Amino acid sequence: MRGKATREALACGPEETASESANVPTTEPSGEVAAPKSTGEEPAPKPQEPAPQAPAPAASKPAPPTEDVPSAPLLLAVEDVSDSSVTVSWEPPERLGKLGLQGYVLELRREGALEWVPVNSRPMMVTQQTVRNLVLGDKFFVRVAAVSSAGAGPPAVLDQPVHIQEIIEAPKIRVPRHLRQTYVRQVGEMINLQIPFQGNPKPQASWTHNGHALDSQRVSVRTRDQDSILFIRSAQRSDSGCYELTVQLEGLEAKAAIDILVIEKPGSPSSIRLLDVWGCNAALEWTPPQDTGNTELLGYTVQKADKKTGQWFTVLERYHPTTCAISDLIVGNSYSFRVFSENLCGLSDSAAVTKELAHIQKTDIVAKPKSFVEQDFSEAPSFTQPLADHTSTPGYSTQLFCSVRASPKPRIIWMKNKMDIQGDPKYRALSEQGVCTLEIRKPSPFDSGVYTCKAINVLGEASVDCRLEVKASATH
């Protein structure tokens, strides 16, 4: 065979294994075998196939000729070692022998023992084998020999023993995506960071704050097998800074830095003054706040209020300079101004307010009124929208509407069946902008009749009528 064999090895049959000793392993598929059980001080089992054991005494069967047996396999090496298995590989020997190659026999010898134990009882035509079910902490030597029908050739032996030990997984920290940038919280809020990590065996985790140990009075840390949790019940601005998580495992370590920024509302601007007033404009200037809330300012909010109403209106939002000109002020009004600071938490709780008022003066204008003939717009009442007949349901309030035009404003009188109903609590009369309304609260059949709206002023009077019918509910 010239290359590495990758085909699966056949398992031994029940009849063959029955005659084997208890410490001879069974062959598993794909060149994988179970490790032989430790026999302690028991005698070595009788081999079923020729194996490269110690030279036999002179009385034994004579060794086959050198040209009939294959030479030692080449490039024996360990491919992989885990906490319960080892994989070795080799290359075919340079000389296969006259009788041809039947396979390879892999043998193990524990460190300190003299006995070589075969892993596969029959030669297998593979150049890579995996031995499983090994005991953690074992050290053993490995050798492999090529076998022909004439016997086994000289073995190839590993120079160093193979050590079965626990696999060390280098520590690794997986920082959540939202913590890869500055983590911002407000003063008084809770901080709860859960940082997962990997490592085998369990690594040791530790935290620092700006390069120093954590204050156990303020910060709690809980580390579990696969994560570490940092908890602050009520954040303060002093908790801002760089928190570094270090995970260590047998000389290996991984680090992750998390920047935390604890902020609060900024203070108000230190001072504000009115620089100038001209026309319908006013110029302001203020100084930045001494306390920005532990973060950058998003700008300033400028508001104005006229002296008459005292209501504040915003004229500028998130304005960055510290000077501004406010225009479109109303002539004749006097204005106060105030400025708030703003950051991520919002506007400052208080504002800087101007001490002086900005008086928008009227310009001296000489009025030259044109002569005109004053017109008399007086007129007697006339209804532009009459009352309409209406049908209502008992118990549901109803309304009657009409519109009247008159100058001067007329006096409105409501009547039912020619009787004045003003002052009756059952009725409510309204008159606004010439629209006259009569509301009848929860009418009954007794309220049916003819309703009249009369408008009276000094120039005359007018009236409109309608009929209201309140139908009694049908009884069953």
Protein backbone atom coordinates (compact mmCIF):
# COMPACT_ATOMS: atom_id res chain seq x y z
CA MET A 1 0.00 0.00 0.00
CA ARG A 2 1.52 3.37 -1.12
CA GLY A 3 -0.75 6.03 0.47
CA LYS A 4 -2.69 6.52 3.69
CA ALA A 5 -5.58 4.14 3.95
CA THR A 6 -8.93 5.69 4.93
CA ARG A 7 -11.29 2.78 4.57
CA GLU A 8 -12.98 1.37 7.64
CA ALA A 9 -11.52 -1.61 9.46
CA LEU A 10 -13.69 -4.69 9.94
CA ALA A 11 -14.77 -5.60 13.47
CA CYS A 12 -13.72 -8.90 14.98
CA GLY A 13 -16.38 -11.59 15.04
CA PRO A 14 -17.81 -13.07 18.23
CA GLU A 15 -16.03 -16.39 17.69
CA GLU A 16 -12.64 -14.72 17.47
CA THR A 17 -13.07 -12.38 20.42
CA ALA A 18 -14.22 -15.23 22.62
CA SER A 19 -10.75 -16.69 22.50
CA GLU A 20 -9.03 -13.39 23.10
CA SER A 21 -7.78 -12.28 26.47
CA ALA A 22 -9.87 -9.70 28.40
CA ASN A 23 -7.35 -6.93 27.75
CA VAL A 24 -7.37 -7.20 23.95
CA PRO A 25 -9.58 -4.42 22.52
CA THR A 26 -12.23 -4.78 19.85
CA THR A 27 -11.82 -2.94 16.60
CA GLU A 28 -14.19 -0.06 15.89
CA PRO A 29 -15.13 1.35 12.46
CA SER A 30 -12.91 3.89 10.61
CA GLY A 31 -9.72 2.77 12.30
CA GLU A 32 -11.04 3.61 15.77
CA VAL A 33 -10.53 1.19 18.64
CA ALA A 34 -11.38 1.08 22.31
CA ALA A 35 -8.48 1.31 24.70
CA PRO A 36 -7.37 -1.96 26.39
CA LYS A 37 -8.38 -2.33 30.00
CA SER A 38 -5.65 -2.08 32.58
CA THR A 39 -4.63 -5.52 33.87
CA GLY A 40 -2.42 -4.40 36.76
CA GLU A 41 -0.03 -7.25 37.55
CA GLU A 42 -1.87 -9.94 35.57
CA PRO A 43 0.21 -11.89 33.01
CA ALA A 44 0.19 -10.69 29.39
CA PRO A 45 -2.40 -12.29 27.11
CA LYS A 46 -1.37 -14.79 24.47
CA PRO A 47 -1.19 -13.05 21.09
CA GLN A 48 -3.32 -14.47 18.28
CA GLU A 49 -1.29 -12.86 15.54
CA PRO A 50 2.43 -12.30 15.17
CA ALA A 51 3.37 -9.19 17.07
CA PRO A 52 6.64 -7.33 17.45
CA GLN A 53 7.42 -8.62 20.94
CA ALA A 54 10.85 -9.04 22.48
CA PRO A 55 13.15 -11.45 20.65
CA ALA A 56 12.34 -15.08 21.34
CA PRO A 57 14.87 -17.46 22.94
CA ALA A 58 17.12 -19.56 20.73
CA ALA A 59 14.90 -22.61 21.27
CA SER A 60 11.92 -20.75 19.71
CA LYS A 61 10.89 -20.81 16.10
CA PRO A 62 13.59 -19.18 13.95
CA ALA A 63 12.88 -15.63 12.69
CA PRO A 64 11.77 -15.37 9.06
CA PRO A 65 14.21 -14.02 6.50
CA THR A 66 14.53 -10.28 6.46
CA GLU A 67 13.39 -9.96 2.86
CA ASP A 68 10.08 -11.75 3.67
CA VAL A 69 8.91 -9.30 6.38
CA PRO A 70 8.17 -5.60 5.77
CA SER A 71 10.35 -2.85 7.12
CA ALA A 72 9.24 -0.41 9.85
CA PRO A 73 6.41 2.03 9.01
CA LEU A 74 7.49 5.60 8.32
CA LEU A 75 6.59 8.97 9.87
CA LEU A 76 4.71 7.72 12.92
CA ALA A 77 3.09 10.79 14.50
CA VAL A 78 0.31 11.88 16.84
CA GLU A 79 -2.48 13.65 14.93
CA ASP A 80 -4.77 14.58 17.83
CA VAL A 81 -5.04 14.12 21.60
CA SER A 82 -8.20 14.73 23.64
CA ASP A 83 -9.14 14.02 27.24
CA SER A 84 -10.20 10.45 26.33
CA SER A 85 -8.66 9.54 22.96
CA VAL A 86 -5.56 9.74 20.80
CA THR A 87 -5.20 9.58 17.02
CA VAL A 88 -1.92 8.43 15.41
CA SER A 89 -0.92 8.09 11.75
CA TRP A 90 2.00 6.70 9.79
CA GLU A 91 3.20 6.07 6.24
CA PRO A 92 3.66 2.60 4.65
CA PRO A 93 7.13 1.06 4.99
CA GLU A 94 9.70 1.35 2.26
CA ARG A 95 9.87 -2.45 1.87
CA LEU A 96 6.65 -4.46 1.89
CA GLY A 97 8.33 -7.90 1.82
CA LYS A 98 8.13 -10.67 -0.77
CA LEU A 99 4.90 -12.10 0.61
CA GLY A 100 3.01 -8.78 0.59
CA LEU A 101 1.53 -6.63 3.36
CA GLN A 102 -1.39 -7.89 5.46
CA GLY A 103 -1.82 -4.78 7.62
CA TYR A 104 -0.57 -3.02 10.73
CA VAL A 105 -0.68 -3.78 14.43
CA LEU A 106 -0.82 -0.83 16.87
CA GLU A 107 0.42 -1.40 20.44
CA LEU A 108 0.44 0.69 23.64
CA ARG A 109 2.70 0.54 26.68
CA ARG A 110 1.87 2.57 29.76
CA GLU A 111 4.68 4.61 31.24
CA GLY A 112 6.55 2.53 33.81
CA ALA A 113 5.23 -0.81 32.46
CA LEU A 114 7.16 -3.35 30.44
CA GLU A 115 4.32 -4.96 28.58
CA TRP A 116 3.16 -3.85 25.11
CA VAL A 117 -0.58 -4.38 24.71
CA PRO A 118 -1.96 -4.72 21.16
CA VAL A 119 -4.79 -2.35 20.31
CA ASN A 120 -6.09 -4.38 17.36
CA SER A 121 -5.92 -8.18 17.54
CA ARG A 122 -5.75 -8.56 13.77
CA PRO A 123 -3.70 -6.54 11.33
CA MET A 124 -5.69 -3.65 9.85
CA MET A 125 -5.05 -2.10 6.46
CA VAL A 126 -5.22 1.50 7.71
CA THR A 127 -2.52 4.10 8.28
CA GLN A 128 -4.45 6.09 10.88
CA GLN A 129 -6.14 4.87 14.05
CA THR A 130 -8.00 6.49 16.93
CA VAL A 131 -7.87 4.87 20.36
CA ARG A 132 -10.80 5.85 22.58
CA ASN A 133 -11.97 5.35 26.18
CA LEU A 134 -8.58 6.30 27.62
CA VAL A 135 -8.22 7.31 31.26
CA LEU A 136 -7.57 10.97 32.07
CA GLY A 137 -3.97 11.37 33.30
CA ASP A 138 -2.55 8.29 31.52
CA LYS A 139 0.87 8.41 29.86
CA PHE A 140 1.84 5.70 27.40
CA PHE A 141 4.15 4.93 24.50
CA VAL A 142 2.85 3.99 21.05
CA ARG A 143 4.37 1.76 18.40
CA VAL A 144 3.16 0.25 15.15
CA ALA A 145 4.50 -2.64 13.09
CA ALA A 146 3.75 -3.77 9.54
CA VAL A 147 2.68 -7.45 9.27
CA SER A 148 2.96 -9.92 6.38
CA SER A 149 2.18 -13.65 6.23
CA ALA A 150 5.80 -14.28 7.22
CA GLY A 151 5.43 -12.26 10.41
CA ALA A 152 5.72 -8.76 11.82
CA GLY A 153 8.48 -6.42 10.84
CA PRO A 154 10.35 -4.06 13.13
CA PRO A 155 8.07 -1.49 14.84
CA ALA A 156 8.14 2.28 14.58
CA VAL A 157 8.04 3.78 18.10
CA LEU A 158 7.11 7.34 19.24
CA ASP A 159 10.00 9.09 20.95
CA GLN A 160 7.85 10.72 23.63
CA PRO A 161 4.92 9.30 25.61
CA VAL A 162 1.39 10.49 24.90
CA HIS A 163 -0.23 12.27 27.87
CA ILE A 164 -4.04 12.09 28.19
CA GLN A 165 -5.04 15.28 29.93
CA GLU A 166 -7.99 17.63 30.12
CA ILE A 167 -8.31 19.82 27.06
CA ILE A 168 -7.82 23.47 27.89
CA GLU A 169 -10.15 25.79 26.01
CA ALA A 170 -8.68 29.26 25.85
CA PRO A 171 -10.88 31.86 27.60
CA LYS A 172 -12.96 34.11 25.38
CA ILE A 173 -15.34 36.93 26.29
CA ARG A 174 -18.43 37.62 24.20
CA VAL A 175 -19.46 41.24 24.80
CA PRO A 176 -23.13 41.88 23.89
CA ARG A 177 -23.62 44.20 20.94
CA HIS A 178 -25.27 47.00 22.95
CA LEU A 179 -22.24 47.15 25.27
CA ARG A 180 -19.68 47.59 22.49
CA GLN A 181 -20.35 51.33 22.60
CA THR A 182 -20.66 53.64 25.59
CA TYR A 183 -23.44 52.40 27.88
CA VAL A 184 -25.41 55.46 29.05
CA ARG A 185 -27.61 55.46 32.15
CA GLN A 186 -29.23 58.24 34.17
CA VAL A 187 -28.50 58.98 37.81
CA GLY A 188 -30.59 56.74 40.04
CA GLU A 189 -31.16 54.04 37.42
CA MET A 190 -30.05 50.44 37.88
CA ILE A 191 -27.03 48.99 36.04
CA ASN A 192 -27.13 45.23 35.40
CA LEU A 193 -24.50 43.90 32.97
CA GLN A 194 -24.35 40.20 32.07
CA ILE A 195 -21.17 39.34 30.16
CA PRO A 196 -20.91 35.74 28.83
CA PHE A 197 -17.53 34.05 28.46
CA GLN A 198 -16.07 30.68 27.47
CA GLY A 199 -13.25 28.55 28.82
CA ASN A 200 -12.53 25.02 29.99
CA PRO A 201 -11.99 24.32 32.81
CA LYS A 202 -13.89 27.16 34.45
CA PRO A 203 -11.74 30.30 34.28
CA GLN A 204 -11.32 32.92 36.99
CA ALA A 205 -13.09 36.25 36.32
CA SER A 206 -12.25 39.62 37.88
CA TRP A 207 -13.43 43.23 37.38
CA THR A 208 -11.69 46.59 37.66
CA HIS A 209 -12.99 50.17 37.47
CA ASN A 210 -10.60 52.60 35.79
CA GLY A 211 -7.77 50.22 36.61
CA HIS A 212 -8.66 49.90 40.30
CA ALA A 213 -10.52 47.29 42.32
CA LEU A 214 -14.29 47.69 42.54
CA ASP A 215 -15.96 49.37 45.51
CA SER A 216 -17.81 46.47 47.11
CA GLN A 217 -20.13 48.93 48.88
CA ARG A 218 -21.53 50.13 45.55
CA VAL A 219 -20.88 47.36 43.01
CA SER A 220 -21.88 43.70 43.26
CA VAL A 221 -20.32 41.00 41.08
CA ARG A 222 -21.57 37.45 40.62
CA THR A 223 -19.61 35.02 38.44
CA ARG A 224 -21.11 31.77 37.20
CA ASP A 225 -19.76 29.00 34.97
CA GLN A 226 -20.39 30.85 31.71
CA ASP A 227 -20.98 34.51 32.58
CA SER A 228 -20.21 37.29 35.02
CA ILE A 229 -22.82 39.82 36.23
CA LEU A 230 -21.99 43.36 37.40
CA PHE A 231 -24.81 45.06 39.33
CA ILE A 232 -25.23 48.62 40.64
CA ARG A 233 -28.57 49.29 42.32
CA SER A 234 -28.61 53.08 42.00
CA ALA A 235 -26.10 54.61 39.60
CA GLN A 236 -24.24 57.79 40.49
CA ARG A 237 -22.02 59.96 38.33
CA SER A 238 -18.98 58.59 40.15
CA ASP A 239 -19.81 55.16 38.69
CA SER A 240 -18.90 56.41 35.20
CA GLY A 241 -15.71 55.08 33.65
CA CYS A 242 -14.13 52.01 32.08
CA TYR A 243 -15.03 48.64 33.60
CA GLU A 244 -12.64 45.88 32.52
CA LEU A 245 -13.47 42.18 32.80
CA THR A 246 -10.47 39.83 32.88
CA VAL A 247 -10.91 36.06 32.44
CA GLN A 248 -7.83 33.94 33.30
CA LEU A 249 -7.13 30.26 32.81
CA GLU A 250 -3.71 28.64 33.38
CA GLY A 251 -1.63 31.48 32.00
CA LEU A 252 -4.18 32.41 29.33
CA GLU A 253 -6.40 35.43 29.69
CA ALA A 254 -9.00 37.47 27.83
CA LYS A 255 -10.06 41.03 28.54
CA ALA A 256 -13.07 43.15 27.63
CA ALA A 257 -13.59 46.84 28.40
CA ILE A 258 -17.06 48.36 28.86
CA ASP A 259 -17.48 52.13 29.05
CA ILE A 260 -20.32 53.32 31.31
CA LEU A 261 -21.52 56.93 31.40
CA VAL A 262 -23.93 58.02 34.15
CA ILE A 263 -25.59 61.34 33.32
CA GLU A 264 -28.25 63.72 34.68
CA LYS A 265 -29.98 66.93 33.62
CA PRO A 266 -27.67 69.93 33.12
CA GLY A 267 -27.72 73.14 35.09
CA SER A 268 -29.19 76.33 33.69
CA PRO A 269 -27.00 78.88 31.86
CA SER A 270 -24.99 80.92 34.32
CA SER A 271 -26.26 84.32 33.20
CA ILE A 272 -28.23 86.01 30.43
CA ARG A 273 -28.47 89.63 29.34
CA LEU A 274 -30.31 91.67 26.77
CA LEU A 275 -27.75 93.18 24.41
CA ASP A 276 -29.86 95.35 22.14
CA VAL A 277 -33.37 96.06 20.93
CA TRP A 278 -34.05 97.54 17.50
CA GLY A 279 -37.19 97.59 15.44
CA CYS A 280 -39.01 94.29 16.05
CA ASN A 281 -35.79 92.49 17.07
CA ALA A 282 -33.89 91.74 20.27
CA ALA A 283 -30.35 90.41 20.78
CA LEU A 284 -29.48 88.07 23.69
CA GLU A 285 -26.27 86.65 25.14
CA TRP A 286 -25.73 84.02 27.85
CA THR A 287 -22.94 81.94 29.36
CA PRO A 288 -22.85 78.10 29.33
CA PRO A 289 -23.88 76.20 32.49
CA GLN A 290 -21.22 75.22 34.99
CA ASP A 291 -22.65 71.68 35.19
CA THR A 292 -23.45 69.94 31.88
CA GLY A 293 -24.79 66.79 33.57
CA ASN A 294 -21.63 64.72 32.88
CA THR A 295 -22.27 64.69 29.12
CA GLU A 296 -22.22 66.99 26.12
CA LEU A 297 -24.94 69.59 25.67
CA LEU A 298 -27.34 69.11 22.78
CA GLY A 299 -27.95 72.88 22.68
CA TYR A 300 -30.15 75.55 24.21
CA THR A 301 -33.88 76.28 24.11
CA VAL A 302 -34.81 79.99 23.94
CA GLN A 303 -38.31 81.15 24.89
CA LYS A 304 -40.10 84.50 24.94
CA ALA A 305 -43.11 85.84 26.87
CA ASP A 306 -44.92 89.16 26.40
CA LYS A 307 -45.78 91.16 29.48
CA LYS A 308 -49.52 91.17 28.79
CA THR A 309 -50.16 87.41 28.76
CA GLY A 310 -47.09 86.03 30.53
CA GLN A 311 -47.23 82.89 28.38
CA TRP A 312 -43.92 81.39 27.24
CA PHE A 313 -43.37 80.42 23.61
CA THR A 314 -40.34 78.57 22.21
CA VAL A 315 -38.47 80.45 19.48
CA LEU A 316 -35.26 78.35 19.23
CA GLU A 317 -34.58 74.66 20.02
CA ARG A 318 -31.23 72.87 20.33
CA TYR A 319 -29.49 76.10 19.45
CA HIS A 320 -25.72 75.80 19.90
CA PRO A 321 -24.26 79.35 19.97
CA THR A 322 -24.54 81.46 23.11
CA THR A 323 -25.83 84.55 21.30
CA CYS A 324 -28.97 84.96 19.23
CA ALA A 325 -31.25 87.55 17.65
CA ILE A 326 -35.00 87.13 18.04
CA SER A 327 -37.15 88.78 15.40
CA ASP A 328 -40.84 89.21 14.53
CA LEU A 329 -41.66 90.76 17.90
CA ILE A 330 -44.95 92.66 18.06
CA VAL A 331 -44.85 96.42 18.17
CA GLY A 332 -46.07 97.85 21.44
CA ASN A 333 -45.35 94.73 23.52
CA SER A 334 -42.69 94.22 26.15
CA TYR A 335 -40.90 90.86 26.25
CA SER A 336 -38.96 88.71 28.70
CA PHE A 337 -36.63 85.95 27.53
CA ARG A 338 -35.31 82.77 29.16
CA VAL A 339 -32.83 80.05 28.11
CA PHE A 340 -32.74 76.35 29.09
CA SER A 341 -29.78 73.96 28.68
CA GLU A 342 -30.42 70.53 27.14
CA ASN A 343 -28.58 67.19 27.09
CA LEU A 344 -29.59 63.53 26.63
CA CYS A 345 -31.64 63.67 29.85
CA GLY A 346 -33.70 66.64 28.66
CA LEU A 347 -34.02 70.32 29.54
CA SER A 348 -32.53 71.77 32.69
CA ASP A 349 -34.92 72.10 35.62
CA SER A 350 -34.54 75.89 35.70
CA ALA A 351 -33.75 78.60 33.17
CA ALA A 352 -31.78 81.84 33.03
CA VAL A 353 -34.26 84.74 32.68
CA THR A 354 -33.50 88.28 31.50
CA LYS A 355 -33.82 90.95 34.15
CA GLU A 356 -34.75 93.73 31.70
CA LEU A 357 -37.75 93.82 29.41
CA ALA A 358 -37.38 94.36 25.69
CA HIS A 359 -39.79 97.16 24.80
CA ILE A 360 -40.80 97.16 21.15
CA GLN A 361 -41.51 100.86 20.58
CA LYS A 362 -44.06 102.24 18.18
CA THR A 363 -42.64 104.47 15.51
CA ASP A 364 -43.93 108.01 15.28
CA ILE A 365 -46.49 107.89 12.49
CA VAL A 366 -48.67 110.89 11.66
CA ALA A 367 -52.06 109.60 10.66
CA LYS A 368 -53.83 111.45 7.85
CA PRO A 369 -57.30 109.95 7.84
CA LYS A 370 -59.32 110.38 4.71
CA SER A 371 -62.71 111.92 4.98
CA PHE A 372 -65.53 109.51 4.62
CA VAL A 373 -69.27 109.46 5.04
CA GLU A 374 -70.28 107.45 8.05
CA GLN A 375 -72.88 104.90 7.14
CA ASP A 376 -75.70 103.79 9.33
CA PHE A 377 -75.82 100.01 9.59
CA SER A 378 -78.78 99.92 11.95
CA GLU A 379 -81.58 97.60 10.97
CA ALA A 380 -84.64 96.01 12.45
CA PRO A 381 -84.53 92.30 13.36
CA SER A 382 -85.02 89.80 10.55
CA PHE A 383 -84.66 86.04 10.71
CA THR A 384 -82.23 84.62 8.17
CA GLN A 385 -82.92 81.02 9.25
CA PRO A 386 -86.44 80.27 10.59
CA LEU A 387 -87.38 77.61 13.11
CA ALA A 388 -88.21 74.17 11.70
CA ASP A 389 -90.93 71.82 12.92
CA HIS A 390 -89.41 69.09 15.03
CA THR A 391 -90.44 65.70 16.39
CA SER A 392 -88.74 64.39 19.53
CA THR A 393 -88.72 61.30 21.74
CA PRO A 394 -89.67 61.58 25.41
CA GLY A 395 -86.73 61.63 27.81
CA TYR A 396 -84.14 62.81 25.24
CA SER A 397 -83.18 66.50 25.30
CA THR A 398 -83.87 68.39 22.05
CA GLN A 399 -82.86 71.76 20.62
CA LEU A 400 -84.53 74.36 18.39
CA PHE A 401 -82.37 76.64 16.20
CA CYS A 402 -82.85 79.85 14.23
CA SER A 403 -80.70 82.78 13.03
CA VAL A 404 -81.49 86.46 13.35
CA ARG A 405 -79.89 89.60 11.94
CA ALA A 406 -80.26 93.00 13.60
CA SER A 407 -78.35 96.10 14.69
CA PRO A 408 -78.18 97.01 17.47
CA LYS A 409 -78.19 93.55 19.00
CA PRO A 410 -81.77 92.41 19.61
CA ARG A 411 -83.31 90.98 22.76
CA ILE A 412 -84.45 87.37 22.25
CA ILE A 413 -87.69 86.09 23.82
CA TRP A 414 -88.82 82.44 23.62
CA MET A 415 -92.53 81.52 23.99
CA LYS A 416 -94.56 78.34 24.04
CA ASN A 417 -98.12 78.58 22.83
CA LYS A 418 -97.76 82.40 23.08
CA MET A 419 -96.63 82.14 26.75
CA ASP A 420 -93.22 83.46 27.81
CA ILE A 421 -91.07 80.58 29.07
CA GLN A 422 -88.06 82.60 30.21
CA GLY A 423 -86.94 81.65 33.70
CA ASP A 424 -88.37 78.14 33.42
CA PRO A 425 -85.56 75.73 34.44
CA LYS A 426 -86.77 73.18 31.93
CA TYR A 427 -85.59 75.43 29.13
CA ARG A 428 -82.18 76.94 28.41
CA ALA A 429 -81.92 79.75 25.85
CA LEU A 430 -78.62 80.72 24.19
CA SER A 431 -77.80 83.47 21.68
CA GLU A 432 -74.37 83.86 20.14
CA GLN A 433 -73.32 85.58 16.92
CA GLY A 434 -76.95 85.80 15.80
CA VAL A 435 -77.66 82.07 16.32
CA CYS A 436 -80.52 81.51 18.77
CA THR A 437 -80.85 78.12 20.47
CA LEU A 438 -83.56 76.77 22.80
CA GLU A 439 -82.71 73.54 24.63
CA ILE A 440 -85.62 71.54 26.10
CA ARG A 441 -84.38 69.16 28.77
CA LYS A 442 -85.89 65.69 28.67
CA PRO A 443 -89.17 66.64 27.00
CA SER A 444 -92.47 64.85 27.62
CA PRO A 445 -95.66 64.80 25.57
CA PHE A 446 -96.77 67.75 27.71
CA ASP A 447 -93.98 69.85 26.08
CA SER A 448 -95.54 69.50 22.61
CA GLY A 449 -96.83 72.73 21.14
CA VAL A 450 -95.97 75.82 19.10
CA TYR A 451 -92.67 77.51 20.04
CA THR A 452 -91.97 81.11 19.05
CA CYS A 453 -88.67 83.01 18.94
CA LYS A 454 -89.11 86.81 19.04
CA ALA A 455 -86.26 89.31 18.42
CA ILE A 456 -86.77 92.95 19.53
CA ASN A 457 -84.59 96.08 19.21
CA VAL A 458 -85.25 99.82 18.97
CA LEU A 459 -86.02 99.60 15.27
CA GLY A 460 -88.62 96.88 15.47
CA GLU A 461 -89.26 93.22 16.14
CA ALA A 462 -89.63 89.91 14.29
CA SER A 463 -90.69 86.39 15.25
CA VAL A 464 -90.70 82.84 13.85
CA ASP A 465 -92.73 79.79 14.91
CA CYS A 466 -92.37 76.02 14.77
CA ARG A 467 -94.28 73.06 16.06
CA LEU A 468 -92.66 70.55 18.40
CA GLU A 469 -94.28 67.16 18.75
CA VAL A 470 -93.12 64.82 21.50
CA LYS A 471 -94.38 61.35 20.70
CA ALA A 472 -95.24 59.11 23.60
CA SER A 473 -93.39 55.74 23.70
CA ALA A 474 -95.42 52.78 22.49
CA THR A 475 -96.58 50.53 25.34
CA HIS A 476 -96.74 46.76 25.05
